[in-house]
Each structure stands twice: as C-alpha cells, then as structure tokens.
Amino acid sequence: MQFDRELRISAEKTGVQRLLGPSEVAKWLGVSSGWVRDHATRKEPRLRAVKVGKLLRFRPEDVEQFLQTSTEAITN
C-alpha cells in the first residue's frame, strides 16, 4: 500500500487524475458494469472512455459531464 500512496501523491503533485474502471463508475452511478461498458461503446448517449490496451478507463470529469448532459436531456 505504500507504493499506491506514493503514486497517488505523485499524481496529485503533477495534476494527473486517476482513471476509473468500469466497476468504479458503475458503483458511482448505481448501475451494472455491463451498463457502463454498453454506454461507453454506443453512439448515444455515450459515456466517454479511454482505451488502455484492451481495458476501458474513465476520467471522472467525463462521467460528471455524462451525468450533466443526461440530466439536461430529461429536464428539457
């Protein structure tokens, strides 16, 4: 765990933000990991993702933007 803590502190100093995995995003949104993967690969509404090799990763600001856009679509 010391390495993880040092990596986090280093990332904070350089302004790098940690990427989230599908299960972390799913927990945040209260949906399944499959739902997250589906919305990362569809056209609309799309949850922006970053591919790291075969893995999907998500920027927290992209998840927040997805929530904002989805909320606006419902209220309009």
PDB file of N, CA and C in Angstrom:
ATOM      1  N   MET A   1       0.807  -1.200   0.000  1.00  0.00           N
ATOM      2  CA  MET A   1       0.000   0.000   0.000  1.00  0.00           C
ATOM      3  C   MET A   1       0.853   1.268   0.000  1.00  0.00           C
ATOM      4  N   GLN A   2       2.080   1.177   0.447  1.00  0.00           N
ATOM      5  CA  GLN A   2       2.961   2.348   0.446  1.00  0.00           C
ATOM      6  C   GLN A   2       3.174   2.843  -0.976  1.00  0.00           C
ATOM      7  N   PHE A   3       3.382   1.911  -1.910  1.00  0.00           N
ATOM      8  CA  PHE A   3       3.585   2.284  -3.308  1.00  0.00           C
ATOM      9  C   PHE A   3       2.363   3.018  -3.847  1.00  0.00           C
ATOM     10  N   ASP A   4       1.160   2.503  -3.560  1.00  0.00           N
ATOM     11  CA  ASP A   4      -0.083   3.110  -4.026  1.00  0.00           C
ATOM     12  C   ASP A   4      -0.217   4.537  -3.491  1.00  0.00           C
ATOM     13  N   ARG A   5       0.112   4.738  -2.231  1.00  0.00           N
ATOM     14  CA  ARG A   5       0.041   6.066  -1.613  1.00  0.00           C
ATOM     15  C   ARG A   5       1.033   7.015  -2.269  1.00  0.00           C
ATOM     16  N   GLU A   6       2.249   6.542  -2.509  1.00  0.00           N
ATOM     17  CA  GLU A   6       3.265   7.373  -3.151  1.00  0.00           C
ATOM     18  C   GLU A   6       2.857   7.732  -4.569  1.00  0.00           C
ATOM     19  N   LEU A   7       2.271   6.792  -5.290  1.00  0.00           N
ATOM     20  CA  LEU A   7       1.820   7.032  -6.657  1.00  0.00           C
ATOM     21  C   LEU A   7       0.714   8.083  -6.661  1.00  0.00           C
ATOM     22  N   ARG A   8      -0.219   7.985  -5.724  1.00  0.00           N
ATOM     23  CA  ARG A   8      -1.317   8.948  -5.635  1.00  0.00           C
ATOM     24  C   ARG A   8      -0.792  10.342  -5.340  1.00  0.00           C
ATOM     25  N   ILE A   9       0.139  10.454  -4.400  1.00  0.00           N
ATOM     26  CA  ILE A   9       0.715  11.748  -4.049  1.00  0.00           C
ATOM     27  C   ILE A   9       1.464  12.326  -5.239  1.00  0.00           C
ATOM     28  N   SER A  10       2.214  11.497  -5.944  1.00  0.00           N
ATOM     29  CA  SER A  10       2.945  11.939  -7.128  1.00  0.00           C
ATOM     30  C   SER A  10       1.980  12.441  -8.199  1.00  0.00           C
ATOM     31  N   ALA A  11       0.891  11.735  -8.422  1.00  0.00           N
ATOM     32  CA  ALA A  11      -0.094  12.134  -9.411  1.00  0.00           C
ATOM     33  C   ALA A  11      -0.748  13.454  -9.031  1.00  0.00           C
ATOM     34  N   GLU A  12      -1.024  13.648  -7.744  1.00  0.00           N
ATOM     35  CA  GLU A  12      -1.632  14.902  -7.286  1.00  0.00           C
ATOM     36  C   GLU A  12      -0.697  16.081  -7.522  1.00  0.00           C
ATOM     37  N   LYS A  13       0.592  15.879  -7.306  1.00  0.00           N
ATOM     38  CA  LYS A  13       1.564  16.957  -7.497  1.00  0.00           C
ATOM     39  C   LYS A  13       1.665  17.363  -8.961  1.00  0.00           C
ATOM     40  N   THR A  14       1.548  16.412  -9.870  1.00  0.00           N
ATOM     41  CA  THR A  14       1.679  16.713 -11.298  1.00  0.00           C
ATOM     42  C   THR A  14       0.344  17.057 -11.946  1.00  0.00           C
ATOM     43  N   GLY A  15      -0.732  16.994 -11.193  1.00  0.00           N
ATOM     44  CA  GLY A  15      -2.040  17.319 -11.734  1.00  0.00           C
ATOM     45  C   GLY A  15      -2.672  16.194 -12.537  1.00  0.00           C
ATOM     46  N   VAL A  16      -2.118  14.992 -12.454  1.00  0.00           N
ATOM     47  CA  VAL A  16      -2.670  13.849 -13.168  1.00  0.00           C
ATOM     48  C   VAL A  16      -3.826  13.287 -12.355  1.00  0.00           C
ATOM     49  N   GLN A  17      -4.931  13.018 -13.049  1.00  0.00           N
ATOM     50  CA  GLN A  17      -6.096  12.492 -12.353  1.00  0.00           C
ATOM     51  C   GLN A  17      -6.203  10.989 -12.586  1.00  0.00           C
ATOM     52  N   ARG A  18      -6.567  10.269 -11.563  1.00  0.00           N
ATOM     53  CA  ARG A  18      -6.689   8.820 -11.632  1.00  0.00           C
ATOM     54  C   ARG A  18      -7.861   8.443 -12.529  1.00  0.00           C
ATOM     55  N   LEU A  19      -7.649   7.454 -13.378  1.00  0.00           N
ATOM     56  CA  LEU A  19      -8.716   6.939 -14.219  1.00  0.00           C
ATOM     57  C   LEU A  19      -9.501   5.884 -13.461  1.00  0.00           C
ATOM     58  N   LEU A  20     -10.796   5.817 -13.724  1.00  0.00           N
ATOM     59  CA  LEU A  20     -11.676   4.878 -13.045  1.00  0.00           C
ATOM     60  C   LEU A  20     -11.970   3.686 -13.935  1.00  0.00           C
ATOM     61  N   GLY A  21     -12.127   2.532 -13.320  1.00  0.00           N
ATOM     62  CA  GLY A  21     -12.521   1.331 -14.041  1.00  0.00           C
ATOM     63  C   GLY A  21     -14.033   1.254 -14.152  1.00  0.00           C
ATOM     64  N   PRO A  22     -14.540   0.378 -15.024  1.00  0.00           N
ATOM     65  CA  PRO A  22     -15.989   0.238 -15.195  1.00  0.00           C
ATOM     66  C   PRO A  22     -16.726  -0.080 -13.898  1.00  0.00           C
ATOM     67  N   SER A  23     -16.142  -0.892 -13.039  1.00  0.00           N
ATOM     68  CA  SER A  23     -16.836  -1.242 -11.788  1.00  0.00           C
ATOM     69  C   SER A  23     -16.923  -0.039 -10.847  1.00  0.00           C
ATOM     70  N   GLU A  24     -15.900   0.818 -10.858  1.00  0.00           N
ATOM     71  CA  GLU A  24     -15.934   2.028 -10.022  1.00  0.00           C
ATOM     72  C   GLU A  24     -16.991   3.013 -10.534  1.00  0.00           C
ATOM     73  N   VAL A  25     -17.070   3.155 -11.848  1.00  0.00           N
ATOM     74  CA  VAL A  25     -18.083   4.040 -12.438  1.00  0.00           C
ATOM     75  C   VAL A  25     -19.475   3.472 -12.175  1.00  0.00           C
ATOM     76  N   ALA A  26     -19.616   2.159 -12.310  1.00  0.00           N
ATOM     77  CA  ALA A  26     -20.903   1.511 -12.058  1.00  0.00           C
ATOM     78  C   ALA A  26     -21.363   1.748 -10.623  1.00  0.00           C
ATOM     79  N   LYS A  27     -20.446   1.628  -9.687  1.00  0.00           N
ATOM     80  CA  LYS A  27     -20.790   1.863  -8.289  1.00  0.00           C
ATOM     81  C   LYS A  27     -21.205   3.320  -8.077  1.00  0.00           C
ATOM     82  N   TRP A  28     -20.479   4.245  -8.695  1.00  0.00           N
ATOM     83  CA  TRP A  28     -20.775   5.674  -8.598  1.00  0.00           C
ATOM     84  C   TRP A  28     -22.178   5.980  -9.132  1.00  0.00           C
ATOM     85  N   LEU A  29     -22.526   5.373 -10.283  1.00  0.00           N
ATOM     86  CA  LEU A  29     -23.803   5.663 -10.923  1.00  0.00           C
ATOM     87  C   LEU A  29     -24.951   4.769 -10.436  1.00  0.00           C
ATOM     88  N   GLY A  30     -24.609   3.710  -9.721  1.00  0.00           N
ATOM     89  CA  GLY A  30     -25.635   2.793  -9.226  1.00  0.00           C
ATOM     90  C   GLY A  30     -26.194   1.894 -10.324  1.00  0.00           C
ATOM     91  N   VAL A  31     -25.326   1.493 -11.252  1.00  0.00           N
ATOM     92  CA  VAL A  31     -25.713   0.625 -12.359  1.00  0.00           C
ATOM     93  C   VAL A  31     -24.732  -0.542 -12.428  1.00  0.00           C
ATOM     94  N   SER A  32     -24.929  -1.431 -13.382  1.00  0.00           N
ATOM     95  CA  SER A  32     -24.016  -2.565 -13.531  1.00  0.00           C
ATOM     96  C   SER A  32     -22.802  -2.188 -14.379  1.00  0.00           C
ATOM     97  N   SER A  33     -21.756  -2.985 -14.271  1.00  0.00           N
ATOM     98  CA  SER A  33     -20.561  -2.771 -15.096  1.00  0.00           C
ATOM     99  C   SER A  33     -20.893  -2.959 -16.574  1.00  0.00           C
ATOM    100  N   GLY A  34     -21.797  -3.871 -16.878  1.00  0.00           N
ATOM    101  CA  GLY A  34     -22.232  -4.087 -18.258  1.00  0.00           C
ATOM    102  C   GLY A  34     -22.899  -2.846 -18.830  1.00  0.00           C
ATOM    103  N   TRP A  35     -23.702  -2.168 -18.003  1.00  0.00           N
ATOM    104  CA  TRP A  35     -24.352  -0.926 -18.430  1.00  0.00           C
ATOM    105  C   TRP A  35     -23.302   0.125 -18.774  1.00  0.00           C
ATOM    106  N   VAL A  36     -22.272   0.226 -17.946  1.00  0.00           N
ATOM    107  CA  VAL A  36     -21.192   1.193 -18.183  1.00  0.00           C
ATOM    108  C   VAL A  36     -20.484   0.862 -19.490  1.00  0.00           C
ATOM    109  N   ARG A  37     -20.136  -0.403 -19.697  1.00  0.00           N
ATOM    110  CA  ARG A  37     -19.453  -0.799 -20.938  1.00  0.00           C
ATOM    111  C   ARG A  37     -20.338  -0.539 -22.158  1.00  0.00           C
ATOM    112  N   ASP A  38     -21.628  -0.823 -22.033  1.00  0.00           N
ATOM    113  CA  ASP A  38     -22.567  -0.591 -23.129  1.00  0.00           C
ATOM    114  C   ASP A  38     -22.596   0.891 -23.499  1.00  0.00           C
ATOM    115  N   HIS A  39     -22.679   1.759 -22.520  1.00  0.00           N
ATOM    116  CA  HIS A  39     -22.746   3.195 -22.790  1.00  0.00           C
ATOM    117  C   HIS A  39     -21.406   3.781 -23.220  1.00  0.00           C
ATOM    118  N   ALA A  40     -20.334   3.048 -23.018  1.00  0.00           N
ATOM    119  CA  ALA A  40     -19.021   3.505 -23.486  1.00  0.00           C
ATOM    120  C   ALA A  40     -18.806   3.141 -24.950  1.00  0.00           C
ATOM    121  N   THR A  41     -19.612   2.221 -25.477  1.00  0.00           N
ATOM    122  CA  THR A  41     -19.402   1.762 -26.855  1.00  0.00           C
ATOM    123  C   THR A  41     -20.557   2.115 -27.786  1.00  0.00           C
ATOM    124  N   ARG A  42     -21.604   2.729 -27.279  1.00  0.00           N
ATOM    125  CA  ARG A  42     -22.753   3.089 -28.121  1.00  0.00           C
ATOM    126  C   ARG A  42     -22.600   4.500 -28.656  1.00  0.00           C
ATOM    127  N   LYS A  43     -23.495   4.866 -29.574  1.00  0.00           N
ATOM    128  CA  LYS A  43     -23.438   6.202 -30.157  1.00  0.00           C
ATOM    129  C   LYS A  43     -24.084   7.247 -29.254  1.00  0.00           C
ATOM    130  N   GLU A  44     -25.293   6.998 -28.778  1.00  0.00           N
ATOM    131  CA  GLU A  44     -25.997   7.968 -27.937  1.00  0.00           C
ATOM    132  C   GLU A  44     -26.808   7.267 -26.875  1.00  0.00           C
ATOM    133  N   PRO A  45     -26.907   7.704 -25.668  1.00  0.00           N
ATOM    134  CA  PRO A  45     -25.967   8.644 -25.041  1.00  0.00           C
ATOM    135  C   PRO A  45     -24.664   7.918 -24.744  1.00  0.00           C
ATOM    136  N   ARG A  46     -23.590   8.535 -25.053  1.00  0.00           N
ATOM    137  CA  ARG A  46     -22.277   7.902 -24.926  1.00  0.00           C
ATOM    138  C   ARG A  46     -21.539   8.404 -23.690  1.00  0.00           C
ATOM    139  N   LEU A  47     -20.981   7.472 -22.961  1.00  0.00           N
ATOM    140  CA  LEU A  47     -20.121   7.762 -21.821  1.00  0.00           C
ATOM    141  C   LEU A  47     -18.687   7.674 -22.333  1.00  0.00           C
ATOM    142  N   ARG A  48     -18.000   8.805 -22.394  1.00  0.00           N
ATOM    143  CA  ARG A  48     -16.643   8.827 -22.953  1.00  0.00           C
ATOM    144  C   ARG A  48     -15.707   7.944 -22.140  1.00  0.00           C
ATOM    145  N   ALA A  49     -14.869   7.220 -22.853  1.00  0.00           N
ATOM    146  CA  ALA A  49     -13.928   6.298 -22.220  1.00  0.00           C
ATOM    147  C   ALA A  49     -12.569   6.412 -22.894  1.00  0.00           C
ATOM    148  N   VAL A  50     -11.554   5.964 -22.176  1.00  0.00           N
ATOM    149  CA  VAL A  50     -10.190   5.900 -22.686  1.00  0.00           C
ATOM    150  C   VAL A  50      -9.829   4.423 -22.769  1.00  0.00           C
ATOM    151  N   LYS A  51      -9.309   3.998 -23.924  1.00  0.00           N
ATOM    152  CA  LYS A  51      -8.859   2.612 -24.045  1.00  0.00           C
ATOM    153  C   LYS A  51      -7.392   2.538 -23.657  1.00  0.00           C
ATOM    154  N   VAL A  52      -7.100   1.670 -22.708  1.00  0.00           N
ATOM    155  CA  VAL A  52      -5.728   1.395 -22.291  1.00  0.00           C
ATOM    156  C   VAL A  52      -5.503  -0.073 -22.627  1.00  0.00           C
ATOM    157  N   GLY A  53      -4.922  -0.308 -23.786  1.00  0.00           N
ATOM    158  CA  GLY A  53      -4.839  -1.683 -24.279  1.00  0.00           C
ATOM    159  C   GLY A  53      -6.244  -2.175 -24.549  1.00  0.00           C
ATOM    160  N   LYS A  54      -6.638  -3.274 -23.916  1.00  0.00           N
ATOM    161  CA  LYS A  54      -7.991  -3.808 -24.059  1.00  0.00           C
ATOM    162  C   LYS A  54      -8.941  -3.266 -22.994  1.00  0.00           C
ATOM    163  N   LEU A  55      -8.421  -2.509 -22.058  1.00  0.00           N
ATOM    164  CA  LEU A  55      -9.212  -2.041 -20.925  1.00  0.00           C
ATOM    165  C   LEU A  55      -9.893  -0.714 -21.204  1.00  0.00           C
ATOM    166  N   LEU A  56     -11.081  -0.537 -20.642  1.00  0.00           N
ATOM    167  CA  LEU A  56     -11.768   0.744 -20.682  1.00  0.00           C
ATOM    168  C   LEU A  56     -11.520   1.462 -19.367  1.00  0.00           C
ATOM    169  N   ARG A  57     -11.164   2.715 -19.452  1.00  0.00           N
ATOM    170  CA  ARG A  57     -10.980   3.542 -18.265  1.00  0.00           C
ATOM    171  C   ARG A  57     -11.725   4.856 -18.475  1.00  0.00           C
ATOM    172  N   PHE A  58     -12.099   5.488 -17.374  1.00  0.00           N
ATOM    173  CA  PHE A  58     -12.946   6.666 -17.443  1.00  0.00           C
ATOM    174  C   PHE A  58     -12.362   7.812 -16.623  1.00  0.00           C
ATOM    175  N   ARG A  59     -12.401   9.021 -17.197  1.00  0.00           N
ATOM    176  CA  ARG A  59     -11.998  10.216 -16.467  1.00  0.00           C
ATOM    177  C   ARG A  59     -13.192  10.674 -15.625  1.00  0.00           C
ATOM    178  N   PRO A  60     -12.971  11.002 -14.364  1.00  0.00           N
ATOM    179  CA  PRO A  60     -14.092  11.466 -13.534  1.00  0.00           C
ATOM    180  C   PRO A  60     -14.855  12.636 -14.155  1.00  0.00           C
ATOM    181  N   GLU A  61     -14.151  13.563 -14.805  1.00  0.00           N
ATOM    182  CA  GLU A  61     -14.838  14.711 -15.407  1.00  0.00           C
ATOM    183  C   GLU A  61     -15.735  14.292 -16.574  1.00  0.00           C
ATOM    184  N   ASP A  62     -15.373  13.209 -17.282  1.00  0.00           N
ATOM    185  CA  ASP A  62     -16.231  12.710 -18.358  1.00  0.00           C
ATOM    186  C   ASP A  62     -17.501  12.082 -17.797  1.00  0.00           C
ATOM    187  N   VAL A  63     -17.385  11.401 -16.672  1.00  0.00           N
ATOM    188  CA  VAL A  63     -18.568  10.816 -16.023  1.00  0.00           C
ATOM    189  C   VAL A  63     -19.483  11.938 -15.544  1.00  0.00           C
ATOM    190  N   GLU A  64     -18.910  12.978 -14.950  1.00  0.00           N
ATOM    191  CA  GLU A  64     -19.713  14.119 -14.494  1.00  0.00           C
ATOM    192  C   GLU A  64     -20.405  14.808 -15.671  1.00  0.00           C
ATOM    193  N   GLN A  65     -19.697  14.956 -16.796  1.00  0.00           N
ATOM    194  CA  GLN A  65     -20.286  15.563 -17.993  1.00  0.00           C
ATOM    195  C   GLN A  65     -21.435  14.704 -18.519  1.00  0.00           C
ATOM    196  N   PHE A  66     -21.260  13.391 -18.501  1.00  0.00           N
ATOM    197  CA  PHE A  66     -22.321  12.477 -18.926  1.00  0.00           C
ATOM    198  C   PHE A  66     -23.562  12.669 -18.045  1.00  0.00           C
ATOM    199  N   LEU A  67     -23.347  12.770 -16.750  1.00  0.00           N
ATOM    200  CA  LEU A  67     -24.466  12.987 -15.827  1.00  0.00           C
ATOM    201  C   LEU A  67     -25.155  14.314 -16.106  1.00  0.00           C
ATOM    202  N   GLN A  68     -24.380  15.346 -16.323  1.00  0.00           N
ATOM    203  CA  GLN A  68     -24.914  16.683 -16.593  1.00  0.00           C
ATOM    204  C   GLN A  68     -25.752  16.668 -17.876  1.00  0.00           C
ATOM    205  N   THR A  69     -25.205  16.074 -18.918  1.00  0.00           N
ATOM    206  CA  THR A  69     -25.896  16.005 -20.205  1.00  0.00           C
ATOM    207  C   THR A  69     -27.184  15.177 -20.095  1.00  0.00           C
ATOM    208  N   SER A  70     -27.105  14.070 -19.389  1.00  0.00           N
ATOM    209  CA  SER A  70     -28.283  13.206 -19.222  1.00  0.00           C
ATOM    210  C   SER A  70     -29.365  13.912 -18.422  1.00  0.00           C
ATOM    211  N   THR A  71     -28.969  14.655 -17.413  1.00  0.00           N
ATOM    212  CA  THR A  71     -29.927  15.395 -16.592  1.00  0.00           C
ATOM    213  C   THR A  71     -30.587  16.490 -17.408  1.00  0.00           C
ATOM    214  N   GLU A  72     -29.819  17.193 -18.236  1.00  0.00           N
ATOM    215  CA  GLU A  72     -30.367  18.253 -19.077  1.00  0.00           C
ATOM    216  C   GLU A  72     -31.351  17.684 -20.093  1.00  0.00           C
ATOM    217  N   ALA A  73     -31.032  16.514 -20.649  1.00  0.00           N
ATOM    218  CA  ALA A  73     -31.920  15.889 -21.639  1.00  0.00           C
ATOM    219  C   ALA A  73     -33.270  15.534 -21.032  1.00  0.00           C
ATOM    220  N   ILE A  74     -33.278  15.119 -19.794  1.00  0.00           N
ATOM    221  CA  ILE A  74     -34.515  14.734 -19.119  1.00  0.00           C
ATOM    222  C   ILE A  74     -35.372  15.959 -18.790  1.00  0.00           C
ATOM    223  N   THR A  75     -34.721  17.031 -18.342  1.00  0.00           N
ATOM    224  CA  THR A  75     -35.465  18.221 -17.924  1.00  0.00           C
ATOM    225  C   THR A  75     -35.940  19.068 -19.084  1.00  0.00           C
ATOM    226  N   ASN A  76     -35.372  18.853 -20.283  1.00  0.00           N
ATOM    227  CA  ASN A  76     -35.801  19.668 -21.458  1.00  0.00           C
ATOM    228  C   ASN A  76     -36.882  19.002 -22.226  1.00  0.00           C
TER     229      ASN A  76
END
